[in-house]
């Protein structure tokens, strides 16, 4: 097998993907992070409602005595 340009070194500072793809991936990651936060908050609120026995109104205030 001939040795030629097949084994060129890759520099860690040189991106392997175009810049516009990198920017799009960063935006997707940011949106995913916001979605995961919303999911976690929703799950926490549901868990709190389950512990409370559903004694809260739609805004999160307690309805009254247990």
Protein backbone atom coordinates (compact mmCIF):
# COMPACT_ATOMS: atom_id res chain seq x y z
CA UNK A 1 0.00 0.00 0.00
CA UNK A 2 1.29 3.42 -0.93
CA UNK A 3 1.90 5.98 1.75
CA UNK A 4 0.67 9.36 0.73
CA UNK A 5 -1.84 11.88 1.94
CA UNK A 6 -3.94 9.23 3.68
CA UNK A 7 -2.37 9.70 7.10
CA UNK A 8 -2.37 13.46 7.55
CA UNK A 9 -2.44 14.70 11.17
CA UNK A 10 -5.69 16.25 12.39
CA UNK A 11 -5.38 19.33 14.55
CA UNK A 12 -7.64 19.52 17.59
CA UNK A 13 -8.37 23.20 16.99
CA UNK A 14 -9.62 22.68 13.44
CA UNK A 15 -13.36 21.92 13.38
CA UNK A 16 -14.29 18.84 11.39
CA UNK A 17 -17.70 20.30 10.46
CA UNK A 18 -18.69 23.57 8.77
CA UNK A 19 -19.36 26.55 11.03
CA UNK A 20 -23.04 26.89 10.08
CA UNK A 21 -23.62 23.27 11.12
CA UNK A 22 -21.87 23.92 14.41
CA UNK A 23 -24.09 26.95 15.08
CA UNK A 24 -27.24 24.97 14.27
CA UNK A 25 -26.15 22.17 16.60
CA UNK A 26 -25.53 24.69 19.40
CA UNK A 27 -29.05 26.10 18.93
CA UNK A 28 -30.54 22.60 19.02
CA UNK A 29 -28.62 21.80 22.20
CA UNK A 30 -29.86 25.01 23.84
CA UNK A 31 -33.48 24.22 22.93
CA UNK A 32 -33.09 20.66 24.22
CA UNK A 33 -31.74 21.99 27.50
CA UNK A 34 -34.77 24.27 27.90
CA UNK A 35 -37.08 21.38 27.08
CA UNK A 36 -35.42 19.12 29.62
CA UNK A 37 -35.73 21.83 32.26
CA UNK A 38 -39.43 22.24 31.47
CA UNK A 39 -39.88 18.46 31.65
CA UNK A 40 -38.14 18.31 35.03
CA UNK A 41 -40.23 21.18 36.43
CA UNK A 42 -43.44 19.56 35.17
CA UNK A 43 -42.48 16.22 36.70
CA UNK A 44 -41.66 17.92 40.00
CA UNK A 45 -45.00 19.72 40.05
CA UNK A 46 -46.83 16.47 39.28
CA UNK A 47 -44.94 14.70 42.06
CA UNK A 48 -45.79 17.52 44.48
CA UNK A 49 -49.46 17.30 43.48
CA UNK A 50 -49.44 13.55 44.06
CA UNK A 51 -47.92 14.00 47.53
CA UNK A 52 -50.46 16.71 48.33
CA UNK A 53 -53.36 14.51 47.29
CA UNK A 54 -54.54 17.04 44.69
CA UNK A 55 -55.53 19.65 47.27
CA UNK A 56 -54.34 22.59 45.17
CA UNK A 57 -56.08 24.82 42.67
CA UNK A 58 -54.84 25.48 39.13
CA UNK A 59 -52.39 28.18 40.29
CA UNK A 60 -50.75 26.01 42.95
CA UNK A 61 -52.41 27.44 46.05
CA UNK A 62 -53.76 25.11 48.71
CA UNK A 63 -57.55 24.62 48.49
CA UNK A 64 -58.17 24.30 52.18
CA UNK A 65 -57.83 21.89 55.08
CA UNK A 66 -57.01 18.26 54.28
